[in-house]
Amino acid sequence: MEDKKWYKSKTLWMNGIAAVAIVYQMVTGSQFASAEEQAGIIVVINLVLRLITKSGLTA
């Protein structure tokens, strides 16, 4: 298994985008789905990304 740089990780990028979206919702008070639905979406995406992940990360 070959390692890749952290910035090439789809999982890290997806979680970073999710974190920005959560902060945006907290600041603006807007919400596109309930907190439970958003958590479920993030979990499913993370599971899929974990299943397709073939390599580890390096610094």
Protein backbone atom coordinates (compact mmCIF):
# COMPACT_ATOMS: atom_id res chain seq x y z
CA MET A 1 0.00 0.00 0.00
CA GLU A 2 1.43 3.34 -1.04
CA ASP A 3 0.96 6.41 1.15
CA LYS A 4 -0.24 9.77 -0.14
CA LYS A 5 0.04 13.36 1.05
CA TRP A 6 -2.68 14.54 3.43
CA TYR A 7 -4.01 17.15 0.99
CA LYS A 8 -4.92 14.40 -1.50
CA SER A 9 -7.28 12.74 1.01
CA LYS A 10 -10.95 12.86 -0.05
CA THR A 11 -11.99 12.03 3.52
CA LEU A 12 -10.08 14.94 5.04
CA TRP A 13 -11.42 17.36 2.42
CA MET A 14 -14.99 16.16 2.91
CA ASN A 15 -14.76 16.52 6.69
CA GLY A 16 -13.18 19.96 6.33
CA ILE A 17 -16.00 21.10 4.06
CA ALA A 18 -18.55 19.65 6.50
CA ALA A 19 -16.93 21.57 9.36
CA VAL A 20 -17.05 24.83 7.39
CA ALA A 21 -20.72 24.19 6.55
CA ILE A 22 -21.53 23.59 10.22
CA VAL A 23 -19.78 26.78 11.31
CA TYR A 24 -21.57 28.71 8.54
CA GLN A 25 -24.92 27.42 9.77
CA MET A 26 -24.08 28.38 13.35
CA VAL A 27 -23.06 31.91 12.33
CA THR A 28 -25.94 32.60 9.94
CA GLY A 29 -28.65 30.63 11.71
CA SER A 30 -29.63 28.95 8.44
CA GLN A 31 -30.05 25.20 8.18
CA PHE A 32 -30.71 23.02 5.13
CA ALA A 33 -31.46 19.85 7.14
CA SER A 34 -31.82 18.82 10.78
CA ALA A 35 -28.68 18.11 12.78
CA GLU A 36 -29.53 14.40 12.80
CA GLU A 37 -29.93 14.31 9.02
CA GLN A 38 -26.65 16.17 8.51
CA ALA A 39 -24.83 13.77 10.86
CA GLY A 40 -26.30 10.81 9.00
CA ILE A 41 -25.18 12.21 5.65
CA ILE A 42 -21.65 12.76 6.95
CA VAL A 43 -21.51 9.23 8.40
CA VAL A 44 -22.64 7.62 5.14
CA ILE A 45 -20.16 9.63 3.06
CA ASN A 46 -17.33 8.77 5.47
CA LEU A 47 -18.23 5.07 5.31
CA VAL A 48 -18.20 5.10 1.50
CA LEU A 49 -14.90 6.96 1.41
CA ARG A 50 -13.43 4.51 3.92
CA LEU A 51 -14.51 1.57 1.77
CA ILE A 52 -12.81 2.98 -1.33
CA THR A 53 -9.64 4.12 0.47
CA LYS A 54 -6.61 2.17 -0.66
CA SER A 55 -3.72 4.08 0.90
CA GLY A 56 -2.57 5.73 4.10
CA LEU A 57 -1.45 9.31 4.68
CA THR A 58 1.93 10.90 5.17
CA ALA A 59 2.68 14.28 6.66
